[in-house]
Amino acid sequence: MVKKGRIIKSLAGFYNVESDGQVYQTRARGNFRKKGLKPIVGDFVDFSAEENSEGYILDIHERKNSLIRPLIANIDQAVIIMSTVNPDFSLNLLDRFLVFLEHKNIRPLIYVSKLDLVEDLSVYQKFKQDYEQIGYQVFFNWKDLEKSLAGKVTVFMGQTGAGKTTLLNLIAPGMNLA
């Protein structure tokens, strides 16, 4: 039986495909390698699903976008985590992230972390106002950001030490990321 689904995990040549609330373990057919194609997490695929046996990916649907790091496809949005300090806030870096995401057709959301370590918030309030005026959503509070994540495939990005892991642990405490 041929089904449609989305790859949610890739490990050692096996692909977990979610379809209608169920997860199937599949492998890719050899003809993908001949065509220079490799299924990646996020791909929408057609796959065979036989009772009590390993399925096979039969076709990879066209990707709307993809990233190399992390290797993922069909992303709806990305949260750019920008730290106020350690590492220092950089509009130059933020703008580079925004250009990259716009080019990939991925909706950017900006989250500013470590605001509790700053005495004067006026610079960040002005930044928020300016960037929202040109169409970006800027969040200072993770609970406000969390509302924008429902039903979306979201990637988190930012410098080392900006607070990606801390933010993910706040949003999904069960992950217990180190």
N, C-alpha and C. Protein backbone atom coordinates (compact mmCIF):
# COMPACT_ATOMS: atom_id res chain seq x y z
N MET A 1 0.84 -1.18 0.00
CA MET A 1 0.00 0.00 0.00
C MET A 1 0.89 1.24 0.00
N VAL A 2 0.62 2.20 -0.90
CA VAL A 2 1.40 3.43 -0.98
C VAL A 2 0.71 4.50 -0.14
N LYS A 3 1.53 5.15 0.72
CA LYS A 3 1.03 6.22 1.59
C LYS A 3 1.84 7.47 1.37
N LYS A 4 1.32 8.59 1.84
CA LYS A 4 2.04 9.86 1.85
C LYS A 4 2.38 10.20 3.29
N GLY A 5 3.58 10.78 3.50
CA GLY A 5 3.97 11.14 4.85
C GLY A 5 5.13 12.12 4.84
N ARG A 6 5.66 12.38 6.03
CA ARG A 6 6.77 13.31 6.18
C ARG A 6 7.86 12.63 7.00
N ILE A 7 9.09 12.75 6.54
CA ILE A 7 10.22 12.17 7.27
C ILE A 7 10.45 13.01 8.53
N ILE A 8 10.45 12.34 9.69
CA ILE A 8 10.64 13.04 10.95
C ILE A 8 11.97 12.67 11.62
N LYS A 9 12.63 11.62 11.12
CA LYS A 9 13.91 11.21 11.70
C LYS A 9 14.68 10.42 10.67
N SER A 10 16.00 10.65 10.66
CA SER A 10 16.88 9.93 9.76
C SER A 10 18.07 9.43 10.58
N LEU A 11 18.33 8.11 10.51
CA LEU A 11 19.44 7.55 11.27
C LEU A 11 19.95 6.29 10.59
N ALA A 12 21.21 6.31 10.21
CA ALA A 12 21.90 5.15 9.66
C ALA A 12 21.15 4.50 8.50
N GLY A 13 20.66 5.31 7.58
CA GLY A 13 20.00 4.77 6.39
C GLY A 13 18.53 4.43 6.59
N PHE A 14 18.02 4.60 7.79
CA PHE A 14 16.61 4.38 8.06
C PHE A 14 15.92 5.72 8.21
N TYR A 15 14.67 5.79 7.75
CA TYR A 15 13.89 7.03 7.80
C TYR A 15 12.57 6.74 8.49
N ASN A 16 12.30 7.46 9.57
CA ASN A 16 10.99 7.36 10.21
C ASN A 16 10.07 8.34 9.52
N VAL A 17 8.97 7.83 9.00
CA VAL A 17 8.00 8.63 8.26
C VAL A 17 6.69 8.66 9.04
N GLU A 18 6.20 9.88 9.29
CA GLU A 18 4.92 10.05 9.99
C GLU A 18 3.82 10.22 8.95
N SER A 19 2.76 9.44 9.13
CA SER A 19 1.62 9.51 8.23
C SER A 19 0.36 9.21 9.04
N ASP A 20 -0.58 10.11 9.01
CA ASP A 20 -1.85 9.94 9.73
C ASP A 20 -1.65 9.57 11.20
N GLY A 21 -0.70 10.24 11.86
CA GLY A 21 -0.48 10.03 13.28
C GLY A 21 0.28 8.77 13.63
N GLN A 22 0.75 8.04 12.64
CA GLN A 22 1.50 6.81 12.87
C GLN A 22 2.90 6.97 12.28
N VAL A 23 3.91 6.31 12.89
CA VAL A 23 5.28 6.40 12.41
C VAL A 23 5.69 5.05 11.81
N TYR A 24 6.26 5.11 10.62
CA TYR A 24 6.69 3.91 9.90
C TYR A 24 8.20 3.99 9.70
N GLN A 25 8.89 2.84 9.84
CA GLN A 25 10.32 2.80 9.56
C GLN A 25 10.50 2.39 8.10
N THR A 26 11.29 3.21 7.37
CA THR A 26 11.48 2.95 5.95
C THR A 26 12.96 3.04 5.59
N ARG A 27 13.27 2.61 4.40
CA ARG A 27 14.58 2.80 3.80
C ARG A 27 14.35 3.46 2.44
N ALA A 28 15.39 4.07 1.91
CA ALA A 28 15.28 4.68 0.58
C ALA A 28 15.65 3.66 -0.48
N ARG A 29 14.96 3.68 -1.58
CA ARG A 29 15.30 2.83 -2.71
C ARG A 29 16.64 3.25 -3.30
N GLY A 30 17.34 2.32 -3.91
CA GLY A 30 18.65 2.59 -4.49
C GLY A 30 18.63 3.57 -5.65
N ASN A 31 17.48 3.70 -6.33
CA ASN A 31 17.43 4.60 -7.48
C ASN A 31 17.59 6.07 -7.09
N PHE A 32 17.37 6.43 -5.81
CA PHE A 32 17.62 7.80 -5.37
C PHE A 32 19.10 8.13 -5.47
N ARG A 33 19.95 7.18 -5.06
CA ARG A 33 21.40 7.37 -5.11
C ARG A 33 21.85 7.59 -6.56
N LYS A 34 21.27 6.81 -7.48
CA LYS A 34 21.62 6.94 -8.89
C LYS A 34 21.26 8.32 -9.43
N LYS A 35 20.17 8.89 -8.90
CA LYS A 35 19.71 10.22 -9.34
C LYS A 35 20.39 11.35 -8.57
N GLY A 36 21.23 11.00 -7.59
CA GLY A 36 21.89 12.01 -6.78
C GLY A 36 20.97 12.66 -5.76
N LEU A 37 19.90 11.97 -5.38
CA LEU A 37 18.94 12.47 -4.39
C LEU A 37 19.11 11.73 -3.08
N LYS A 38 18.88 12.47 -2.00
CA LYS A 38 18.92 11.84 -0.68
C LYS A 38 17.74 12.38 0.12
N PRO A 39 16.90 11.49 0.64
CA PRO A 39 15.80 11.97 1.49
C PRO A 39 16.38 12.62 2.75
N ILE A 40 15.74 13.69 3.22
CA ILE A 40 16.18 14.34 4.45
C ILE A 40 14.97 14.63 5.34
N VAL A 41 15.24 14.87 6.61
CA VAL A 41 14.17 15.18 7.56
C VAL A 41 13.39 16.38 7.03
N GLY A 42 12.07 16.25 7.08
CA GLY A 42 11.20 17.32 6.59
C GLY A 42 10.63 17.04 5.21
N ASP A 43 11.24 16.12 4.48
CA ASP A 43 10.74 15.80 3.14
C ASP A 43 9.36 15.16 3.22
N PHE A 44 8.50 15.54 2.28
CA PHE A 44 7.23 14.86 2.08
C PHE A 44 7.51 13.75 1.06
N VAL A 45 7.05 12.56 1.36
CA VAL A 45 7.38 11.40 0.54
C VAL A 45 6.17 10.52 0.30
N ASP A 46 6.26 9.71 -0.76
CA ASP A 46 5.37 8.58 -0.96
C ASP A 46 6.17 7.36 -0.53
N PHE A 47 5.55 6.45 0.21
CA PHE A 47 6.28 5.29 0.68
C PHE A 47 5.38 4.07 0.72
N SER A 48 6.01 2.90 0.69
CA SER A 48 5.24 1.66 0.81
C SER A 48 5.15 1.32 2.29
N ALA A 49 4.02 0.81 2.70
CA ALA A 49 3.83 0.44 4.09
C ALA A 49 3.14 -0.91 4.13
N GLU A 50 3.93 -1.93 4.32
CA GLU A 50 3.38 -3.28 4.42
C GLU A 50 3.27 -3.65 5.89
N GLU A 51 2.30 -4.44 6.21
CA GLU A 51 2.06 -4.87 7.59
C GLU A 51 3.29 -5.62 8.12
N ASN A 52 3.79 -5.22 9.29
CA ASN A 52 4.90 -5.89 9.99
C ASN A 52 6.19 -6.01 9.18
N SER A 53 6.44 -5.09 8.28
CA SER A 53 7.72 -5.13 7.56
C SER A 53 8.21 -3.70 7.32
N GLU A 54 9.46 -3.63 6.95
CA GLU A 54 10.08 -2.34 6.67
C GLU A 54 9.51 -1.77 5.36
N GLY A 55 9.21 -0.48 5.36
CA GLY A 55 8.69 0.15 4.16
C GLY A 55 9.82 0.75 3.33
N TYR A 56 9.48 1.24 2.15
CA TYR A 56 10.46 1.87 1.28
C TYR A 56 9.94 3.22 0.79
N ILE A 57 10.82 4.20 0.78
CA ILE A 57 10.48 5.50 0.20
C ILE A 57 10.49 5.35 -1.30
N LEU A 58 9.40 5.73 -1.92
CA LEU A 58 9.25 5.55 -3.36
C LEU A 58 9.46 6.85 -4.14
N ASP A 59 9.08 7.98 -3.53
CA ASP A 59 9.19 9.26 -4.23
C ASP A 59 9.36 10.38 -3.20
N ILE A 60 10.19 11.35 -3.54
CA ILE A 60 10.38 12.53 -2.70
C ILE A 60 9.69 13.69 -3.41
N HIS A 61 8.77 14.35 -2.71
CA HIS A 61 8.07 15.49 -3.30
C HIS A 61 9.02 16.70 -3.37
N GLU A 62 8.69 17.64 -4.22
CA GLU A 62 9.52 18.84 -4.37
C GLU A 62 9.59 19.60 -3.05
N ARG A 63 10.80 20.06 -2.71
CA ARG A 63 11.02 20.81 -1.47
C ARG A 63 10.73 22.28 -1.69
N LYS A 64 10.07 22.92 -0.71
CA LYS A 64 9.87 24.37 -0.81
C LYS A 64 11.12 25.12 -0.37
N ASN A 65 11.94 24.48 0.47
CA ASN A 65 13.22 25.05 0.91
C ASN A 65 13.99 23.97 1.64
N SER A 66 15.24 24.25 1.94
CA SER A 66 16.04 23.32 2.73
C SER A 66 17.24 24.06 3.30
N LEU A 67 17.76 23.49 4.37
CA LEU A 67 18.98 24.00 4.99
C LEU A 67 20.00 22.87 5.02
N ILE A 68 21.27 23.25 5.01
CA ILE A 68 22.34 22.26 5.08
C ILE A 68 22.69 21.95 6.54
N ARG A 69 22.62 23.00 7.38
CA ARG A 69 22.95 22.81 8.80
C ARG A 69 21.92 23.51 9.66
N PRO A 70 20.99 22.81 10.26
CA PRO A 70 20.82 21.36 10.20
C PRO A 70 20.23 20.94 8.85
N LEU A 71 20.50 19.69 8.47
CA LEU A 71 19.99 19.16 7.20
C LEU A 71 18.50 18.88 7.37
N ILE A 72 17.69 19.77 6.82
CA ILE A 72 16.24 19.69 6.99
C ILE A 72 15.56 20.40 5.82
N ALA A 73 14.35 19.95 5.49
CA ALA A 73 13.62 20.52 4.36
C ALA A 73 12.23 20.97 4.79
N ASN A 74 11.65 21.82 3.97
CA ASN A 74 10.26 22.26 4.12
C ASN A 74 9.99 22.93 5.47
N ILE A 75 10.82 23.92 5.76
CA ILE A 75 10.75 24.65 7.02
C ILE A 75 9.76 25.81 6.85
N ASP A 76 8.92 26.03 7.86
CA ASP A 76 7.97 27.13 7.82
C ASP A 76 8.59 28.43 8.34
N GLN A 77 9.35 28.31 9.43
CA GLN A 77 9.88 29.52 10.07
C GLN A 77 11.14 29.18 10.85
N ALA A 78 11.89 30.24 11.19
CA ALA A 78 13.10 30.08 11.99
C ALA A 78 13.11 31.14 13.08
N VAL A 79 13.48 30.73 14.28
CA VAL A 79 13.64 31.66 15.38
C VAL A 79 15.13 32.00 15.46
N ILE A 80 15.42 33.29 15.30
CA ILE A 80 16.80 33.77 15.42
C ILE A 80 16.96 34.25 16.86
N ILE A 81 17.81 33.58 17.61
CA ILE A 81 18.05 33.97 19.00
C ILE A 81 19.23 34.93 19.02
N MET A 82 18.96 36.15 19.46
CA MET A 82 20.00 37.19 19.56
C MET A 82 20.18 37.55 21.03
N SER A 83 21.39 37.37 21.51
CA SER A 83 21.72 37.65 22.90
C SER A 83 22.06 39.13 23.08
N THR A 84 21.68 39.69 24.23
CA THR A 84 22.07 41.08 24.51
C THR A 84 23.54 41.17 24.90
N VAL A 85 24.02 40.17 25.65
CA VAL A 85 25.42 40.10 26.09
C VAL A 85 25.90 38.65 26.08
N ASN A 86 27.20 38.48 25.93
CA ASN A 86 27.84 37.14 25.99
C ASN A 86 27.15 36.09 25.14
N PRO A 87 27.14 36.16 23.86
CA PRO A 87 27.81 37.12 22.97
C PRO A 87 27.00 38.42 22.84
N ASP A 88 27.71 39.47 22.50
CA ASP A 88 27.08 40.78 22.38
C ASP A 88 26.11 40.84 21.20
N PHE A 89 25.08 41.65 21.36
CA PHE A 89 24.07 41.87 20.33
C PHE A 89 24.72 42.46 19.08
N SER A 90 24.38 41.92 17.92
CA SER A 90 24.97 42.38 16.66
C SER A 90 23.89 42.53 15.59
N LEU A 91 23.59 43.79 15.24
CA LEU A 91 22.62 44.02 14.16
C LEU A 91 23.15 43.49 12.83
N ASN A 92 24.45 43.56 12.63
CA ASN A 92 25.06 43.06 11.40
C ASN A 92 24.78 41.56 11.25
N LEU A 93 25.01 40.81 12.30
CA LEU A 93 24.76 39.37 12.26
C LEU A 93 23.26 39.09 12.07
N LEU A 94 22.43 39.81 12.79
CA LEU A 94 20.98 39.63 12.65
C LEU A 94 20.54 39.88 11.21
N ASP A 95 21.03 40.95 10.62
CA ASP A 95 20.64 41.26 9.24
C ASP A 95 21.11 40.17 8.27
N ARG A 96 22.28 39.59 8.52
CA ARG A 96 22.76 38.49 7.67
C ARG A 96 21.84 37.27 7.80
N PHE A 97 21.42 36.95 9.03
CA PHE A 97 20.45 35.86 9.23
C PHE A 97 19.16 36.16 8.48
N LEU A 98 18.67 37.38 8.59
CA LEU A 98 17.40 37.76 7.94
C LEU A 98 17.47 37.63 6.43
N VAL A 99 18.56 38.10 5.84
CA VAL A 99 18.74 38.00 4.38
C VAL A 99 18.77 36.53 3.96
N PHE A 100 19.50 35.72 4.71
CA PHE A 100 19.61 34.29 4.41
C PHE A 100 18.23 33.63 4.45
N LEU A 101 17.47 33.89 5.51
CA LEU A 101 16.15 33.27 5.65
C LEU A 101 15.17 33.75 4.60
N GLU A 102 15.20 35.04 4.29
CA GLU A 102 14.33 35.57 3.23
C GLU A 102 14.66 34.89 1.90
N HIS A 103 15.95 34.71 1.63
CA HIS A 103 16.40 34.05 0.39
C HIS A 103 15.88 32.61 0.32
N LYS A 104 15.83 31.93 1.47
CA LYS A 104 15.37 30.54 1.53
C LYS A 104 13.85 30.42 1.66
N ASN A 105 13.16 31.57 1.68
CA ASN A 105 11.71 31.59 1.83
C ASN A 105 11.26 30.95 3.16
N ILE A 106 11.97 31.33 4.23
CA ILE A 106 11.67 30.87 5.58
C ILE A 106 11.31 32.10 6.40
N ARG A 107 10.16 32.07 7.06
CA ARG A 107 9.69 33.21 7.86
C ARG A 107 10.56 33.36 9.11
N PRO A 108 11.22 34.52 9.27
CA PRO A 108 12.05 34.72 10.47
C PRO A 108 11.25 35.30 11.64
N LEU A 109 11.55 34.80 12.83
CA LEU A 109 11.06 35.35 14.08
C LEU A 109 12.29 35.70 14.90
N ILE A 110 12.32 36.85 15.52
CA ILE A 110 13.49 37.29 16.27
C ILE A 110 13.18 37.21 17.77
N TYR A 111 14.05 36.53 18.49
CA TYR A 111 13.91 36.42 19.94
C TYR A 111 15.17 36.99 20.59
N VAL A 112 14.98 37.95 21.50
CA VAL A 112 16.12 38.58 22.18
C VAL A 112 16.25 37.95 23.56
N SER A 113 17.41 37.36 23.82
CA SER A 113 17.65 36.67 25.09
C SER A 113 18.53 37.52 26.01
N LYS A 114 18.56 37.12 27.26
CA LYS A 114 19.41 37.71 28.30
C LYS A 114 19.10 39.18 28.58
N LEU A 115 17.85 39.56 28.40
CA LEU A 115 17.45 40.94 28.71
C LEU A 115 17.59 41.24 30.21
N ASP A 116 17.54 40.22 31.03
CA ASP A 116 17.68 40.41 32.48
C ASP A 116 19.09 40.85 32.87
N LEU A 117 20.05 40.73 31.95
CA LEU A 117 21.44 41.12 32.23
C LEU A 117 21.75 42.54 31.78
N VAL A 118 20.72 43.26 31.29
CA VAL A 118 20.91 44.61 30.78
C VAL A 118 20.14 45.60 31.65
N GLU A 119 20.80 46.70 32.01
CA GLU A 119 20.14 47.71 32.85
C GLU A 119 19.23 48.62 32.04
N ASP A 120 19.70 49.09 30.88
CA ASP A 120 18.94 50.03 30.07
C ASP A 120 18.35 49.30 28.86
N LEU A 121 17.04 49.10 28.87
CA LEU A 121 16.37 48.37 27.79
C LEU A 121 15.97 49.26 26.62
N SER A 122 16.20 50.56 26.72
CA SER A 122 15.72 51.49 25.69
C SER A 122 16.29 51.18 24.31
N VAL A 123 17.55 50.75 24.25
CA VAL A 123 18.16 50.41 22.96
C VAL A 123 17.41 49.24 22.32
N TYR A 124 17.02 48.26 23.12
CA TYR A 124 16.34 47.08 22.61
C TYR A 124 14.87 47.38 22.28
N GLN A 125 14.26 48.28 23.04
CA GLN A 125 12.89 48.71 22.73
C GLN A 125 12.87 49.42 21.37
N LYS A 126 13.86 50.27 21.13
CA LYS A 126 13.97 50.99 19.85
C LYS A 126 14.21 50.00 18.71
N PHE A 127 15.11 49.05 18.94
CA PHE A 127 15.38 48.01 17.94
C PHE A 127 14.09 47.25 17.61
N LYS A 128 13.35 46.83 18.63
CA LYS A 128 12.09 46.10 18.46
C LYS A 128 11.11 46.92 17.62
N GLN A 129 10.97 48.17 17.97
CA GLN A 129 10.06 49.06 17.25
C GLN A 129 10.48 49.18 15.77
N ASP A 130 11.76 49.40 15.52
CA ASP A 130 12.25 49.55 14.15
C ASP A 130 12.04 48.29 13.31
N TYR A 131 12.36 47.13 13.86
CA TYR A 131 12.25 45.89 13.09
C TYR A 131 10.80 45.46 12.92
N GLU A 132 9.96 45.73 13.90
CA GLU A 132 8.54 45.43 13.72
C GLU A 132 7.91 46.35 12.68
N GLN A 133 8.41 47.58 12.59
CA GLN A 133 7.91 48.53 11.61
C GLN A 133 8.18 48.06 10.17
N ILE A 134 9.25 47.30 9.98
CA ILE A 134 9.54 46.79 8.62
C ILE A 134 9.03 45.36 8.43
N GLY A 135 8.22 44.87 9.38
CA GLY A 135 7.51 43.62 9.15
C GLY A 135 8.00 42.39 9.89
N TYR A 136 8.98 42.52 10.76
CA TYR A 136 9.46 41.36 11.50
C TYR A 136 8.80 41.29 12.87
N GLN A 137 8.61 40.08 13.37
CA GLN A 137 8.12 39.90 14.73
C GLN A 137 9.33 39.77 15.65
N VAL A 138 9.33 40.56 16.73
CA VAL A 138 10.42 40.54 17.69
C VAL A 138 9.83 40.18 19.04
N PHE A 139 10.44 39.21 19.72
CA PHE A 139 9.95 38.73 21.00
C PHE A 139 10.99 38.93 22.09
N PHE A 140 10.52 39.41 23.24
CA PHE A 140 11.36 39.53 24.43
C PHE A 140 10.97 38.46 25.45
N ASN A 141 9.81 37.85 25.27
CA ASN A 141 9.26 36.91 26.23
C ASN A 141 9.01 35.57 25.52
N TRP A 142 9.54 34.49 26.07
CA TRP A 142 9.41 33.19 25.43
C TRP A 142 7.96 32.71 25.35
N LYS A 143 7.12 33.12 26.29
CA LYS A 143 5.72 32.69 26.27
C LYS A 143 4.98 33.32 25.08
N ASP A 144 5.34 34.56 24.75
CA ASP A 144 4.75 35.19 23.57
C ASP A 144 5.22 34.49 22.30
N LEU A 145 6.50 34.14 22.26
CA LEU A 145 7.07 33.44 21.11
C LEU A 145 6.40 32.08 20.93
N GLU A 146 6.18 31.39 22.02
CA GLU A 146 5.63 30.03 21.99
C GLU A 146 4.31 29.97 21.21
N LYS A 147 3.51 31.02 21.30
CA LYS A 147 2.23 31.07 20.60
C LYS A 147 2.41 31.04 19.08
N SER A 148 3.56 31.49 18.60
CA SER A 148 3.82 31.52 17.15
C SER A 148 4.37 30.20 16.62
N LEU A 149 4.58 29.22 17.48
CA LEU A 149 5.21 27.97 17.07
C LEU A 149 4.21 26.88 16.70
N ALA A 150 3.00 26.97 17.21
CA ALA A 150 2.02 25.91 17.02
C ALA A 150 1.77 25.60 15.55
N GLY A 151 1.86 24.32 15.22
CA GLY A 151 1.55 23.87 13.87
C GLY A 151 2.56 24.25 12.81
N LYS A 152 3.73 24.70 13.22
CA LYS A 152 4.76 25.14 12.28
C LYS A 152 6.04 24.32 12.47
N VAL A 153 6.72 24.04 11.37
CA VAL A 153 8.05 23.43 11.46
C VAL A 153 9.02 24.59 11.65
N THR A 154 9.68 24.61 12.80
CA THR A 154 10.50 25.75 13.20
C THR A 154 11.92 25.31 13.49
N VAL A 155 12.87 26.07 12.98
CA VAL A 155 14.30 25.86 13.26
C VAL A 155 14.75 26.98 14.20
N PHE A 156 15.61 26.63 15.14
CA PHE A 156 16.18 27.62 16.06
C PHE A 156 17.62 27.84 15.67
N MET A 157 18.03 29.13 15.57
CA MET A 157 19.39 29.45 15.14
C MET A 157 19.93 30.64 15.91
N GLY A 158 21.24 30.71 16.01
CA GLY A 158 21.89 31.81 16.70
C GLY A 158 23.30 31.42 17.08
N GLN A 159 24.03 32.40 17.58
CA GLN A 159 25.42 32.16 17.96
C GLN A 159 25.52 31.19 19.13
N THR A 160 26.68 30.58 19.28
CA THR A 160 26.97 29.78 20.45
C THR A 160 26.85 30.66 21.69
N GLY A 161 26.11 30.20 22.67
CA GLY A 161 25.95 30.96 23.90
C GLY A 161 24.82 31.97 23.89
N ALA A 162 24.06 32.06 22.80
CA ALA A 162 22.98 33.05 22.70
C ALA A 162 21.74 32.64 23.51
N GLY A 163 21.61 31.35 23.80
CA GLY A 163 20.48 30.91 24.60
C GLY A 163 19.52 29.98 23.88
N LYS A 164 19.96 29.30 22.83
CA LYS A 164 19.08 28.39 22.10
C LYS A 164 18.60 27.25 22.99
N THR A 165 19.52 26.60 23.69
CA THR A 165 19.17 25.47 24.55
C THR A 165 18.28 25.91 25.70
N THR A 166 18.60 27.03 26.31
CA THR A 166 17.78 27.56 27.40
C THR A 166 16.36 27.82 26.92
N LEU A 167 16.23 28.43 25.75
CA LEU A 167 14.91 28.71 25.19
C LEU A 167 14.14 27.42 24.91
N LEU A 168 14.81 26.44 24.29
CA LEU A 168 14.14 25.17 23.99
C LEU A 168 13.69 24.47 25.27
N ASN A 169 14.50 24.52 26.32
CA ASN A 169 14.12 23.90 27.59
C ASN A 169 12.94 24.62 28.25
N LEU A 170 12.81 25.92 28.03
CA LEU A 170 11.65 26.66 28.55
C LEU A 170 10.37 26.25 27.80
N ILE A 171 10.50 26.15 26.47
CA ILE A 171 9.35 25.83 25.63
C ILE A 171 8.94 24.36 25.77
N ALA A 172 9.93 23.48 25.84
CA ALA A 172 9.66 22.03 25.94
C ALA A 172 10.50 21.42 27.05
N PRO A 173 10.09 21.61 28.30
CA PRO A 173 10.90 21.16 29.44
C PRO A 173 11.21 19.66 29.42
N GLY A 174 10.37 18.87 28.81
CA GLY A 174 10.61 17.44 28.76
C GLY A 174 11.82 17.04 27.94
N MET A 175 12.34 17.94 27.13
CA MET A 175 13.51 17.62 26.32
C MET A 175 14.77 17.49 27.17
N ASN A 176 14.85 18.23 28.28
CA ASN A 176 16.01 18.19 29.18
C ASN A 176 17.34 18.29 28.43
N LEU A 177 17.46 19.28 27.56
CA LEU A 177 18.70 19.46 26.80
C LEU A 177 19.80 19.99 27.71
N ALA A 178 21.00 19.47 27.51
CA ALA A 178 22.14 19.91 28.32
C ALA A 178 22.76 21.16 27.74
